[in-house]
Amino acid sequence: MTTITLPIPDGSRACPEPLRNEAGSAAPLILLVDDDSRTLRFVLTVLRYATAAVVLEASDPGSAIEAARAAGRPIDLLLSDVDLAAGKTGIDLARELAQSNPLMKVAFMSGRDLPQCDLAPGWRFLAKPFAIAALLDCMDALGLPVSARWREEARPRGR
């Protein structure tokens, strides 16, 4: 079972607005892949509100490859679960997509430890469950602009 930590607003502050792109700038393109629909929807929502990225989603490696090909431009970031259905792992998917897009950034998510394997330099790993702040920190570390307001809202508060 996947558990994700979600801070619940106390009602005194409005939910942060989605981050919008500067006029004329190309939005980063993220390909989000997870076979668990709840995790996919949660992460998709956070990314769409906290970044100015265009987020494509897929629930299996085949759909992810089709989405990447249909995008019409290179994927900037692949954010994928490690354990995917259909006989391919997220690591297999990343390696396949990186063959035609070596500048693509990659972050993996998993409720298990990252398998012992050679990962390309700069590829990241998020252990599930993760807090929104951890996801945003990962995006920031990979060079994806994150809304300062969302970052502030996602930080744990002292009691």
Foldseek 3Di string as FASTA:
>chain_A
DFDADEDDDPPPDDDQAADADDPPDDAAEEEEEALDVVVQVVVVVLCRRWANHDYHYDHALVVSVVCQVPVPDHHQEYEYEQDGPDPHGVQNSVVVSCVVPVNHEYEYEYCDDDDPDDDDPRYYYHYTHYFSLVVVVNCVSSPGDTHPVSNVVRDDDDD
